[in-house]
Amino acid sequence: MVVTWLSGVYGVTMGCGTVVYLREGRVPDDTFAIVDAQAIADPSAAIDNYRTGAELRAIAAFGKIMLPLSVAQVLLSILLVAASAMALAGRPGARSFALQTLAANAVFAAIAYAAKQDLRAHWVNATVDAASQLNGAPILDLHTSASWYWVTRIKLAIFELGVIGFAVFALLSKRTTAFFDAVARAEERREREDEP
């Protein structure tokens, strides 16, 4: 649950960052991005630097999609942080709350991935085009559009759905069940002792 807590904190940070970026309305200029990328000696680092700006420009271009998704990400990530903390503390009902929160975050991750299809195409195409314009930059296998799409799929599978799946597995394991059963028995014993 520590990993899901960290994942929730990361989600809050990224969601808030996107909302602030969209509210400020400062978009990196594409024409200067190529010049900046050409100034970097390492072609791979130059392309990665350009990609970061291309992602920000894509977020700004698809602000009507990204703003509600970012707000939803913040809210669900806050729930994930709370559910993880409650489960770590062994609070009554924390296990079912954590499972529900994990399910909601998994559904959201899949929906957000599908909703960002045009956004991904926007920054991937811009990055691949920029890579071909860089002076003397060899087009590496990593800098093709197919490889960038695979990077986003792997990120979804491992860092979003993988973490959630691992947390569900941990919550449903025998050791976790025994822990929550022991906490429930201790809570019942405490309630009986407190009765007059």
N, C-alpha and C. Protein backbone atom coordinates (compact mmCIF):
# COMPACT_ATOMS: atom_id res chain seq x y z
N MET A 1 0.81 -1.20 0.00
CA MET A 1 0.00 0.00 0.00
C MET A 1 0.86 1.27 0.00
N VAL A 2 2.11 1.11 0.36
CA VAL A 2 3.00 2.27 0.30
C VAL A 2 3.18 2.70 -1.16
N VAL A 3 3.27 1.73 -2.07
CA VAL A 3 3.43 2.04 -3.49
C VAL A 3 2.18 2.73 -4.02
N THR A 4 1.01 2.28 -3.62
CA THR A 4 -0.22 2.94 -4.08
C THR A 4 -0.35 4.33 -3.48
N TRP A 5 0.13 4.51 -2.24
CA TRP A 5 0.13 5.84 -1.64
C TRP A 5 1.02 6.78 -2.46
N LEU A 6 2.22 6.29 -2.82
CA LEU A 6 3.13 7.10 -3.65
C LEU A 6 2.53 7.36 -5.03
N SER A 7 1.84 6.37 -5.58
CA SER A 7 1.18 6.54 -6.87
C SER A 7 0.09 7.60 -6.77
N GLY A 8 -0.64 7.60 -5.66
CA GLY A 8 -1.67 8.62 -5.45
C GLY A 8 -1.07 10.01 -5.33
N VAL A 9 0.02 10.13 -4.60
CA VAL A 9 0.69 11.42 -4.46
C VAL A 9 1.19 11.90 -5.83
N TYR A 10 1.75 10.98 -6.62
CA TYR A 10 2.21 11.33 -7.96
C TYR A 10 1.03 11.79 -8.83
N GLY A 11 -0.10 11.09 -8.73
CA GLY A 11 -1.29 11.47 -9.50
C GLY A 11 -1.80 12.84 -9.13
N VAL A 12 -1.81 13.15 -7.83
CA VAL A 12 -2.24 14.48 -7.38
C VAL A 12 -1.29 15.54 -7.94
N THR A 13 0.00 15.28 -7.85
CA THR A 13 1.00 16.23 -8.34
C THR A 13 0.86 16.48 -9.84
N MET A 14 0.74 15.40 -10.61
CA MET A 14 0.63 15.54 -12.06
C MET A 14 -0.68 16.21 -12.46
N GLY A 15 -1.78 15.82 -11.82
CA GLY A 15 -3.07 16.42 -12.13
C GLY A 15 -3.10 17.90 -11.81
N CYS A 16 -2.60 18.26 -10.63
CA CYS A 16 -2.55 19.69 -10.25
C CYS A 16 -1.63 20.46 -11.19
N GLY A 17 -0.50 19.86 -11.55
CA GLY A 17 0.42 20.52 -12.47
C GLY A 17 -0.23 20.80 -13.82
N THR A 18 -1.00 19.84 -14.33
CA THR A 18 -1.68 20.03 -15.61
C THR A 18 -2.74 21.11 -15.51
N VAL A 19 -3.51 21.11 -14.42
CA VAL A 19 -4.54 22.13 -14.24
C VAL A 19 -3.91 23.52 -14.17
N VAL A 20 -2.84 23.66 -13.40
CA VAL A 20 -2.16 24.96 -13.29
C VAL A 20 -1.62 25.38 -14.65
N TYR A 21 -1.01 24.45 -15.39
CA TYR A 21 -0.46 24.75 -16.71
C TYR A 21 -1.56 25.24 -17.66
N LEU A 22 -2.71 24.56 -17.65
CA LEU A 22 -3.80 24.97 -18.52
C LEU A 22 -4.40 26.30 -18.10
N ARG A 23 -4.45 26.56 -16.80
CA ARG A 23 -5.00 27.84 -16.32
C ARG A 23 -4.09 29.01 -16.65
N GLU A 24 -2.77 28.79 -16.62
CA GLU A 24 -1.83 29.87 -16.92
C GLU A 24 -1.81 30.20 -18.41
N GLY A 25 -1.97 29.19 -19.25
CA GLY A 25 -2.04 29.42 -20.69
C GLY A 25 -0.72 29.72 -21.37
N ARG A 26 0.40 29.41 -20.72
CA ARG A 26 1.71 29.64 -21.35
C ARG A 26 2.12 28.38 -22.08
N VAL A 27 2.17 28.46 -23.40
CA VAL A 27 2.49 27.29 -24.23
C VAL A 27 3.89 27.49 -24.83
N PRO A 28 4.77 26.47 -24.73
CA PRO A 28 6.09 26.60 -25.34
C PRO A 28 5.98 26.77 -26.86
N ASP A 29 6.78 27.66 -27.40
CA ASP A 29 6.76 27.95 -28.83
C ASP A 29 7.44 26.83 -29.61
N ASP A 30 6.77 26.36 -30.65
CA ASP A 30 7.28 25.24 -31.43
C ASP A 30 8.50 25.62 -32.27
N THR A 31 8.52 26.84 -32.79
CA THR A 31 9.64 27.23 -33.66
C THR A 31 10.94 27.33 -32.88
N PHE A 32 10.88 27.85 -31.65
CA PHE A 32 12.08 27.93 -30.84
C PHE A 32 12.49 26.58 -30.27
N ALA A 33 11.52 25.65 -30.17
CA ALA A 33 11.83 24.33 -29.63
C ALA A 33 12.81 23.58 -30.52
N ILE A 34 12.65 23.71 -31.84
CA ILE A 34 13.58 23.05 -32.77
C ILE A 34 14.97 23.66 -32.64
N VAL A 35 15.02 24.99 -32.54
CA VAL A 35 16.32 25.67 -32.41
C VAL A 35 17.00 25.25 -31.11
N ASP A 36 16.23 25.20 -30.02
CA ASP A 36 16.79 24.76 -28.74
C ASP A 36 17.28 23.33 -28.82
N ALA A 37 16.51 22.46 -29.47
CA ALA A 37 16.90 21.06 -29.59
C ALA A 37 18.17 20.93 -30.42
N GLN A 38 18.34 21.77 -31.45
CA GLN A 38 19.54 21.70 -32.28
C GLN A 38 20.78 22.15 -31.53
N ALA A 39 20.59 22.97 -30.51
CA ALA A 39 21.73 23.46 -29.72
C ALA A 39 22.29 22.39 -28.80
N ILE A 40 21.53 21.34 -28.55
CA ILE A 40 21.99 20.26 -27.68
C ILE A 40 22.85 19.30 -28.49
N ALA A 41 24.04 18.99 -27.98
CA ALA A 41 24.99 18.17 -28.74
C ALA A 41 24.51 16.73 -28.93
N ASP A 42 23.90 16.15 -27.92
CA ASP A 42 23.46 14.75 -27.99
C ASP A 42 22.10 14.68 -28.69
N PRO A 43 22.01 14.04 -29.87
CA PRO A 43 20.74 13.99 -30.60
C PRO A 43 19.61 13.34 -29.80
N SER A 44 19.92 12.30 -29.06
CA SER A 44 18.89 11.62 -28.28
C SER A 44 18.33 12.55 -27.20
N ALA A 45 19.22 13.26 -26.51
CA ALA A 45 18.78 14.21 -25.48
C ALA A 45 18.00 15.36 -26.11
N ALA A 46 18.42 15.78 -27.31
CA ALA A 46 17.71 16.86 -28.00
C ALA A 46 16.28 16.45 -28.33
N ILE A 47 16.11 15.21 -28.80
CA ILE A 47 14.77 14.73 -29.14
C ILE A 47 13.92 14.59 -27.89
N ASP A 48 14.50 14.09 -26.81
CA ASP A 48 13.75 13.97 -25.56
C ASP A 48 13.34 15.34 -25.03
N ASN A 49 14.23 16.33 -25.17
CA ASN A 49 13.92 17.68 -24.75
C ASN A 49 12.77 18.25 -25.59
N TYR A 50 12.82 18.00 -26.89
CA TYR A 50 11.74 18.47 -27.76
C TYR A 50 10.43 17.77 -27.42
N ARG A 51 10.51 16.47 -27.13
CA ARG A 51 9.30 15.70 -26.81
C ARG A 51 8.56 16.29 -25.61
N THR A 52 9.31 16.72 -24.59
CA THR A 52 8.67 17.31 -23.42
C THR A 52 7.85 18.53 -23.81
N GLY A 53 8.43 19.39 -24.62
CA GLY A 53 7.68 20.56 -25.09
C GLY A 53 6.51 20.18 -25.97
N ALA A 54 6.69 19.15 -26.80
CA ALA A 54 5.60 18.70 -27.68
C ALA A 54 4.43 18.17 -26.86
N GLU A 55 4.73 17.47 -25.77
CA GLU A 55 3.65 16.99 -24.89
C GLU A 55 2.90 18.16 -24.27
N LEU A 56 3.62 19.19 -23.83
CA LEU A 56 2.97 20.37 -23.25
C LEU A 56 2.11 21.09 -24.28
N ARG A 57 2.60 21.22 -25.51
CA ARG A 57 1.80 21.86 -26.56
C ARG A 57 0.56 21.03 -26.88
N ALA A 58 0.68 19.70 -26.85
CA ALA A 58 -0.48 18.83 -27.09
C ALA A 58 -1.50 18.97 -25.97
N ILE A 59 -1.03 19.07 -24.73
CA ILE A 59 -1.94 19.25 -23.60
C ILE A 59 -2.71 20.55 -23.77
N ALA A 60 -2.02 21.63 -24.18
CA ALA A 60 -2.69 22.91 -24.39
C ALA A 60 -3.67 22.83 -25.55
N ALA A 61 -3.30 22.11 -26.62
CA ALA A 61 -4.18 21.99 -27.78
C ALA A 61 -5.45 21.21 -27.46
N PHE A 62 -5.34 20.26 -26.53
CA PHE A 62 -6.49 19.43 -26.16
C PHE A 62 -6.92 19.75 -24.72
N GLY A 63 -6.91 21.04 -24.40
CA GLY A 63 -7.25 21.48 -23.04
C GLY A 63 -8.66 21.11 -22.61
N LYS A 64 -9.60 21.08 -23.55
CA LYS A 64 -10.99 20.75 -23.20
C LYS A 64 -11.13 19.30 -22.74
N ILE A 65 -10.21 18.46 -23.18
CA ILE A 65 -10.21 17.07 -22.72
C ILE A 65 -9.36 16.94 -21.46
N MET A 66 -8.22 17.61 -21.47
CA MET A 66 -7.25 17.43 -20.39
C MET A 66 -7.69 18.05 -19.06
N LEU A 67 -8.41 19.17 -19.10
CA LEU A 67 -8.81 19.80 -17.84
C LEU A 67 -9.73 18.90 -17.01
N PRO A 68 -10.83 18.38 -17.57
CA PRO A 68 -11.65 17.48 -16.75
C PRO A 68 -10.94 16.19 -16.36
N LEU A 69 -10.10 15.66 -17.26
CA LEU A 69 -9.35 14.45 -16.91
C LEU A 69 -8.37 14.72 -15.77
N SER A 70 -7.75 15.89 -15.78
CA SER A 70 -6.79 16.23 -14.72
C SER A 70 -7.48 16.43 -13.39
N VAL A 71 -8.65 17.07 -13.39
CA VAL A 71 -9.40 17.25 -12.15
C VAL A 71 -9.84 15.89 -11.60
N ALA A 72 -10.32 15.02 -12.49
CA ALA A 72 -10.71 13.67 -12.06
C ALA A 72 -9.51 12.91 -11.52
N GLN A 73 -8.35 13.08 -12.15
CA GLN A 73 -7.14 12.41 -11.68
C GLN A 73 -6.77 12.88 -10.28
N VAL A 74 -6.90 14.18 -10.03
CA VAL A 74 -6.59 14.71 -8.70
C VAL A 74 -7.53 14.11 -7.66
N LEU A 75 -8.82 14.11 -7.95
CA LEU A 75 -9.80 13.60 -6.98
C LEU A 75 -9.61 12.11 -6.70
N LEU A 76 -9.43 11.32 -7.76
CA LEU A 76 -9.23 9.88 -7.56
C LEU A 76 -7.90 9.58 -6.90
N SER A 77 -6.89 10.38 -7.17
CA SER A 77 -5.60 10.18 -6.53
C SER A 77 -5.66 10.53 -5.04
N ILE A 78 -6.43 11.55 -4.69
CA ILE A 78 -6.62 11.88 -3.27
C ILE A 78 -7.30 10.71 -2.56
N LEU A 79 -8.30 10.13 -3.21
CA LEU A 79 -8.96 8.95 -2.64
C LEU A 79 -7.98 7.80 -2.48
N LEU A 80 -7.09 7.63 -3.45
CA LEU A 80 -6.09 6.56 -3.39
C LEU A 80 -5.13 6.78 -2.23
N VAL A 81 -4.72 8.02 -2.01
CA VAL A 81 -3.84 8.34 -0.88
C VAL A 81 -4.55 8.03 0.43
N ALA A 82 -5.82 8.46 0.54
CA ALA A 82 -6.58 8.22 1.77
C ALA A 82 -6.81 6.73 2.00
N ALA A 83 -7.18 6.01 0.95
CA ALA A 83 -7.43 4.56 1.08
C ALA A 83 -6.16 3.82 1.47
N SER A 84 -5.04 4.20 0.88
CA SER A 84 -3.77 3.56 1.21
C SER A 84 -3.38 3.82 2.66
N ALA A 85 -3.55 5.05 3.10
CA ALA A 85 -3.22 5.39 4.49
C ALA A 85 -4.12 4.64 5.46
N MET A 86 -5.41 4.56 5.13
CA MET A 86 -6.34 3.84 6.01
C MET A 86 -6.00 2.35 6.07
N ALA A 87 -5.65 1.78 4.92
CA ALA A 87 -5.29 0.35 4.90
C ALA A 87 -4.00 0.10 5.67
N LEU A 88 -3.03 0.99 5.53
CA LEU A 88 -1.78 0.83 6.28
C LEU A 88 -2.00 0.94 7.78
N ALA A 89 -2.97 1.76 8.17
CA ALA A 89 -3.28 1.93 9.59
C ALA A 89 -4.18 0.83 10.12
N GLY A 90 -4.73 0.01 9.23
CA GLY A 90 -5.60 -1.08 9.65
C GLY A 90 -6.98 -0.61 10.11
N ARG A 91 -7.45 0.49 9.55
CA ARG A 91 -8.74 1.04 9.94
C ARG A 91 -9.88 0.11 9.53
N PRO A 92 -10.93 0.05 10.34
CA PRO A 92 -12.08 -0.78 9.97
C PRO A 92 -12.70 -0.31 8.64
N GLY A 93 -13.00 -1.24 7.78
CA GLY A 93 -13.58 -0.93 6.48
C GLY A 93 -12.58 -0.44 5.45
N ALA A 94 -11.31 -0.34 5.84
CA ALA A 94 -10.30 0.20 4.92
C ALA A 94 -10.06 -0.72 3.73
N ARG A 95 -10.16 -2.00 3.96
CA ARG A 95 -9.87 -2.95 2.87
C ARG A 95 -10.88 -2.81 1.74
N SER A 96 -12.17 -2.80 2.05
CA SER A 96 -13.18 -2.67 1.00
C SER A 96 -13.12 -1.29 0.35
N PHE A 97 -12.86 -0.25 1.14
CA PHE A 97 -12.71 1.09 0.59
C PHE A 97 -11.52 1.15 -0.36
N ALA A 98 -10.42 0.52 0.02
CA ALA A 98 -9.22 0.51 -0.82
C ALA A 98 -9.48 -0.25 -2.12
N LEU A 99 -10.18 -1.37 -2.05
CA LEU A 99 -10.49 -2.13 -3.26
C LEU A 99 -11.38 -1.34 -4.21
N GLN A 100 -12.38 -0.64 -3.65
CA GLN A 100 -13.25 0.18 -4.48
C GLN A 100 -12.48 1.33 -5.13
N THR A 101 -11.60 1.94 -4.34
CA THR A 101 -10.80 3.05 -4.86
C THR A 101 -9.85 2.57 -5.95
N LEU A 102 -9.25 1.41 -5.75
CA LEU A 102 -8.36 0.85 -6.77
C LEU A 102 -9.12 0.53 -8.05
N ALA A 103 -10.33 0.00 -7.92
CA ALA A 103 -11.15 -0.30 -9.10
C ALA A 103 -11.50 0.98 -9.85
N ALA A 104 -11.86 2.03 -9.11
CA ALA A 104 -12.19 3.31 -9.74
C ALA A 104 -10.98 3.89 -10.46
N ASN A 105 -9.80 3.78 -9.86
CA ASN A 105 -8.59 4.29 -10.49
C ASN A 105 -8.21 3.48 -11.73
N ALA A 106 -8.45 2.17 -11.71
CA ALA A 106 -8.16 1.34 -12.88
C ALA A 106 -9.09 1.69 -14.04
N VAL A 107 -10.37 1.88 -13.74
CA VAL A 107 -11.33 2.27 -14.79
C VAL A 107 -10.95 3.63 -15.36
N PHE A 108 -10.60 4.56 -14.45
CA PHE A 108 -10.20 5.90 -14.91
C PHE A 108 -8.96 5.84 -15.79
N ALA A 109 -7.98 5.04 -15.42
CA ALA A 109 -6.74 4.94 -16.21
C ALA A 109 -7.05 4.46 -17.63
N ALA A 110 -7.94 3.49 -17.75
CA ALA A 110 -8.30 2.98 -19.08
C ALA A 110 -9.07 4.02 -19.89
N ILE A 111 -10.00 4.71 -19.24
CA ILE A 111 -10.78 5.74 -19.92
C ILE A 111 -9.88 6.90 -20.34
N ALA A 112 -9.00 7.34 -19.44
CA ALA A 112 -8.10 8.45 -19.75
C ALA A 112 -7.17 8.09 -20.90
N TYR A 113 -6.68 6.85 -20.92
CA TYR A 113 -5.80 6.43 -22.02
C TYR A 113 -6.55 6.49 -23.34
N ALA A 114 -7.78 6.02 -23.37
CA ALA A 114 -8.58 6.04 -24.60
C ALA A 114 -8.91 7.48 -25.01
N ALA A 115 -9.20 8.33 -24.04
CA ALA A 115 -9.57 9.72 -24.35
C ALA A 115 -8.39 10.53 -24.87
N LYS A 116 -7.17 10.12 -24.54
CA LYS A 116 -5.97 10.87 -24.95
C LYS A 116 -5.38 10.36 -26.27
N GLN A 117 -6.13 9.62 -27.04
CA GLN A 117 -5.59 9.05 -28.27
C GLN A 117 -5.13 10.14 -29.24
N ASP A 118 -5.96 11.17 -29.48
CA ASP A 118 -5.58 12.24 -30.39
C ASP A 118 -4.43 13.07 -29.83
N LEU A 119 -4.42 13.26 -28.52
CA LEU A 119 -3.34 14.00 -27.88
C LEU A 119 -2.01 13.28 -28.09
N ARG A 120 -2.01 11.96 -27.89
CA ARG A 120 -0.78 11.18 -28.11
C ARG A 120 -0.32 11.29 -29.56
N ALA A 121 -1.25 11.18 -30.49
CA ALA A 121 -0.89 11.27 -31.91
C ALA A 121 -0.28 12.64 -32.21
N HIS A 122 -0.80 13.68 -31.59
CA HIS A 122 -0.30 15.04 -31.80
C HIS A 122 1.16 15.17 -31.40
N TRP A 123 1.49 14.76 -30.15
CA TRP A 123 2.88 14.96 -29.71
C TRP A 123 3.84 13.94 -30.31
N VAL A 124 3.34 12.72 -30.59
CA VAL A 124 4.22 11.71 -31.20
C VAL A 124 4.62 12.14 -32.61
N ASN A 125 3.64 12.59 -33.39
CA ASN A 125 3.95 13.03 -34.75
C ASN A 125 4.88 14.24 -34.75
N ALA A 126 4.65 15.18 -33.83
CA ALA A 126 5.52 16.36 -33.74
C ALA A 126 6.94 15.96 -33.35
N THR A 127 7.06 15.01 -32.44
CA THR A 127 8.39 14.57 -32.00
C THR A 127 9.14 13.85 -33.11
N VAL A 128 8.46 12.99 -33.84
CA VAL A 128 9.11 12.26 -34.94
C VAL A 128 9.50 13.24 -36.06
N ASP A 129 8.63 14.22 -36.36
CA ASP A 129 8.97 15.22 -37.36
C ASP A 129 10.18 16.04 -36.94
N ALA A 130 10.22 16.42 -35.66
CA ALA A 130 11.34 17.21 -35.15
C ALA A 130 12.63 16.40 -35.20
N ALA A 131 12.54 15.11 -34.92
CA ALA A 131 13.73 14.26 -34.96
C ALA A 131 14.31 14.23 -36.37
N SER A 132 13.46 14.25 -37.38
CA SER A 132 13.95 14.22 -38.76
C SER A 132 14.55 15.56 -39.17
N GLN A 133 14.19 16.65 -38.47
CA GLN A 133 14.71 17.98 -38.82
C GLN A 133 16.02 18.32 -38.12
N LEU A 134 16.33 17.59 -37.05
CA LEU A 134 17.54 17.91 -36.31
C LEU A 134 18.77 17.63 -37.16
N ASN A 135 19.69 18.55 -37.16
CA ASN A 135 20.91 18.41 -37.97
C ASN A 135 21.75 17.24 -37.48
N GLY A 136 21.95 16.26 -38.35
CA GLY A 136 22.82 15.14 -38.03
C GLY A 136 22.27 14.18 -37.00
N ALA A 137 20.99 14.28 -36.67
CA ALA A 137 20.42 13.38 -35.67
C ALA A 137 19.95 12.10 -36.35
N PRO A 138 20.57 10.97 -36.04
CA PRO A 138 20.12 9.72 -36.64
C PRO A 138 18.75 9.34 -36.07
N ILE A 139 17.89 8.81 -36.91
CA ILE A 139 16.59 8.37 -36.45
C ILE A 139 16.79 7.00 -35.81
N LEU A 140 16.79 7.00 -34.50
CA LEU A 140 16.98 5.76 -33.77
C LEU A 140 15.67 5.00 -33.70
N ASP A 141 15.76 3.70 -33.41
CA ASP A 141 14.53 2.91 -33.27
C ASP A 141 13.63 3.48 -32.19
N LEU A 142 14.25 4.07 -31.16
CA LEU A 142 13.47 4.63 -30.06
C LEU A 142 12.70 5.88 -30.48
N HIS A 143 13.10 6.51 -31.59
CA HIS A 143 12.48 7.77 -31.99
C HIS A 143 11.51 7.62 -33.15
N THR A 144 10.95 6.44 -33.33
CA THR A 144 9.90 6.25 -34.32
C THR A 144 8.55 6.38 -33.62
N SER A 145 7.53 6.64 -34.41
CA SER A 145 6.21 6.81 -33.79
C SER A 145 5.74 5.52 -33.11
N ALA A 146 6.05 4.37 -33.70
CA ALA A 146 5.64 3.10 -33.09
C ALA A 146 6.27 2.92 -31.71
N SER A 147 7.55 3.28 -31.59
CA SER A 147 8.21 3.11 -30.29
C SER A 147 7.65 4.05 -29.24
N TRP A 148 7.30 5.29 -29.64
CA TRP A 148 6.70 6.22 -28.66
C TRP A 148 5.34 5.71 -28.20
N TYR A 149 4.57 5.14 -29.12
CA TYR A 149 3.28 4.56 -28.71
C TYR A 149 3.49 3.40 -27.74
N TRP A 150 4.53 2.59 -27.99
CA TRP A 150 4.81 1.48 -27.08
C TRP A 150 5.23 1.99 -25.71
N VAL A 151 5.94 3.10 -25.67
CA VAL A 151 6.33 3.68 -24.38
C VAL A 151 5.08 4.05 -23.58
N THR A 152 4.09 4.66 -24.24
CA THR A 152 2.87 5.04 -23.51
C THR A 152 2.07 3.81 -23.07
N ARG A 153 2.07 2.76 -23.89
CA ARG A 153 1.36 1.53 -23.50
C ARG A 153 2.03 0.85 -22.31
N ILE A 154 3.36 0.82 -22.34
CA ILE A 154 4.10 0.20 -21.22
C ILE A 154 3.89 1.00 -19.94
N LYS A 155 3.88 2.32 -20.08
CA LYS A 155 3.62 3.16 -18.90
C LYS A 155 2.26 2.85 -18.31
N LEU A 156 1.25 2.72 -19.16
CA LEU A 156 -0.10 2.38 -18.68
C LEU A 156 -0.10 1.01 -18.02
N ALA A 157 0.51 0.03 -18.68
CA ALA A 157 0.47 -1.35 -18.17
C ALA A 157 1.23 -1.51 -16.86
N ILE A 158 2.40 -0.90 -16.74
CA ILE A 158 3.23 -1.13 -15.56
C ILE A 158 2.93 -0.12 -14.45
N PHE A 159 3.02 1.17 -14.77
CA PHE A 159 2.97 2.19 -13.74
C PHE A 159 1.57 2.58 -13.31
N GLU A 160 0.57 2.27 -14.11
CA GLU A 160 -0.79 2.61 -13.71
C GLU A 160 -1.57 1.34 -13.35
N LEU A 161 -1.84 0.51 -14.34
CA LEU A 161 -2.63 -0.70 -14.08
C LEU A 161 -1.83 -1.75 -13.31
N GLY A 162 -0.53 -1.82 -13.53
CA GLY A 162 0.31 -2.79 -12.82
C GLY A 162 0.36 -2.54 -11.33
N VAL A 163 0.52 -1.28 -10.95
CA VAL A 163 0.54 -0.92 -9.53
C VAL A 163 -0.81 -1.24 -8.89
N ILE A 164 -1.87 -0.94 -9.59
CA ILE A 164 -3.22 -1.22 -9.06
C ILE A 164 -3.42 -2.73 -8.92
N GLY A 165 -3.02 -3.49 -9.93
CA GLY A 165 -3.16 -4.95 -9.85
C GLY A 165 -2.36 -5.55 -8.71
N PHE A 166 -1.15 -5.05 -8.53
CA PHE A 166 -0.31 -5.52 -7.42
C PHE A 166 -0.96 -5.20 -6.08
N ALA A 167 -1.56 -4.01 -5.96
CA ALA A 167 -2.22 -3.62 -4.70
C ALA A 167 -3.45 -4.49 -4.44
N VAL A 168 -4.21 -4.78 -5.47
CA VAL A 168 -5.38 -5.66 -5.30
C VAL A 168 -4.93 -7.04 -4.86
N PHE A 169 -3.88 -7.56 -5.49
CA PHE A 169 -3.34 -8.86 -5.10
C PHE A 169 -2.90 -8.84 -3.64
N ALA A 170 -2.23 -7.76 -3.23
CA ALA A 170 -1.77 -7.66 -1.84
C ALA A 170 -2.94 -7.58 -0.87
N LEU A 171 -3.98 -6.84 -1.23
CA LEU A 171 -5.14 -6.72 -0.34
C LEU A 171 -5.92 -8.02 -0.21
N LEU A 172 -5.87 -8.85 -1.23
CA LEU A 172 -6.62 -10.11 -1.21
C LEU A 172 -5.79 -11.30 -0.72
N SER A 173 -4.53 -11.06 -0.40
CA SER A 173 -3.67 -12.16 0.05
C SER A 173 -4.08 -12.64 1.44
N LYS A 174 -3.65 -13.85 1.79
CA LYS A 174 -4.01 -14.43 3.09
C LYS A 174 -3.43 -13.64 4.25
N ARG A 175 -2.22 -13.15 4.09
CA ARG A 175 -1.58 -12.39 5.17
C ARG A 175 -2.34 -11.09 5.44
N THR A 176 -2.77 -10.42 4.38
CA THR A 176 -3.52 -9.18 4.57
C THR A 176 -4.89 -9.47 5.18
N THR A 177 -5.52 -10.55 4.73
CA THR A 177 -6.80 -10.94 5.31
C THR A 177 -6.64 -11.23 6.79
N ALA A 178 -5.60 -11.95 7.17
CA ALA A 178 -5.35 -12.24 8.58
C ALA A 178 -5.11 -10.96 9.37
N PHE A 179 -4.38 -10.01 8.78
CA PHE A 179 -4.11 -8.74 9.45
C PHE A 179 -5.41 -7.98 9.71
N PHE A 180 -6.26 -7.85 8.69
CA PHE A 180 -7.51 -7.12 8.88
C PHE A 180 -8.47 -7.85 9.81
N ASP A 181 -8.46 -9.18 9.80
CA ASP A 181 -9.28 -9.95 10.75
C ASP A 181 -8.81 -9.71 12.18
N ALA A 182 -7.50 -9.68 12.39
CA ALA A 182 -6.96 -9.42 13.73
C ALA A 182 -7.30 -8.01 14.19
N VAL A 183 -7.25 -7.04 13.28
CA VAL A 183 -7.61 -5.66 13.62
C VAL A 183 -9.09 -5.58 13.98
N ALA A 184 -9.94 -6.29 13.22
CA ALA A 184 -11.38 -6.27 13.51
C ALA A 184 -11.67 -6.90 14.86
N ARG A 185 -10.98 -8.02 15.19
CA ARG A 185 -11.18 -8.65 16.50
C ARG A 185 -10.72 -7.73 17.62
N ALA A 186 -9.61 -7.06 17.42
CA ALA A 186 -9.12 -6.13 18.45
C ALA A 186 -10.08 -4.97 18.64
N GLU A 187 -10.67 -4.50 17.57
CA GLU A 187 -11.65 -3.40 17.65
C GLU A 187 -12.90 -3.86 18.40
N GLU A 188 -13.36 -5.08 18.11
CA GLU A 188 -14.53 -5.61 18.82
C GLU A 188 -14.23 -5.78 20.31
N ARG A 189 -13.06 -6.27 20.63
CA ARG A 189 -12.65 -6.45 22.03
C ARG A 189 -12.60 -5.10 22.75
N ARG A 190 -12.08 -4.09 22.08
CA ARG A 190 -11.99 -2.75 22.67
C ARG A 190 -13.38 -2.18 22.92
N GLU A 191 -14.30 -2.40 21.98
CA GLU A 191 -15.67 -1.91 22.13
C GLU A 191 -16.36 -2.61 23.31
N ARG A 192 -16.13 -3.94 23.45
CA ARG A 192 -16.74 -4.65 24.58
C ARG A 192 -16.20 -4.15 25.91
N GLU A 193 -14.91 -3.86 25.94
CA GLU A 193 -14.29 -3.36 27.20
C GLU A 193 -14.78 -1.96 27.54
N ASP A 194 -15.11 -1.17 26.51
CA ASP A 194 -15.57 0.19 26.77
C ASP A 194 -17.02 0.24 27.22
N GLU A 195 -17.78 -0.85 26.98
CA GLU A 195 -19.19 -0.86 27.39
C GLU A 195 -19.29 -0.89 28.91
N PRO A 196 -20.28 -0.16 29.49
CA PRO A 196 -20.43 -0.14 30.95
C PRO A 196 -20.93 -1.46 31.51
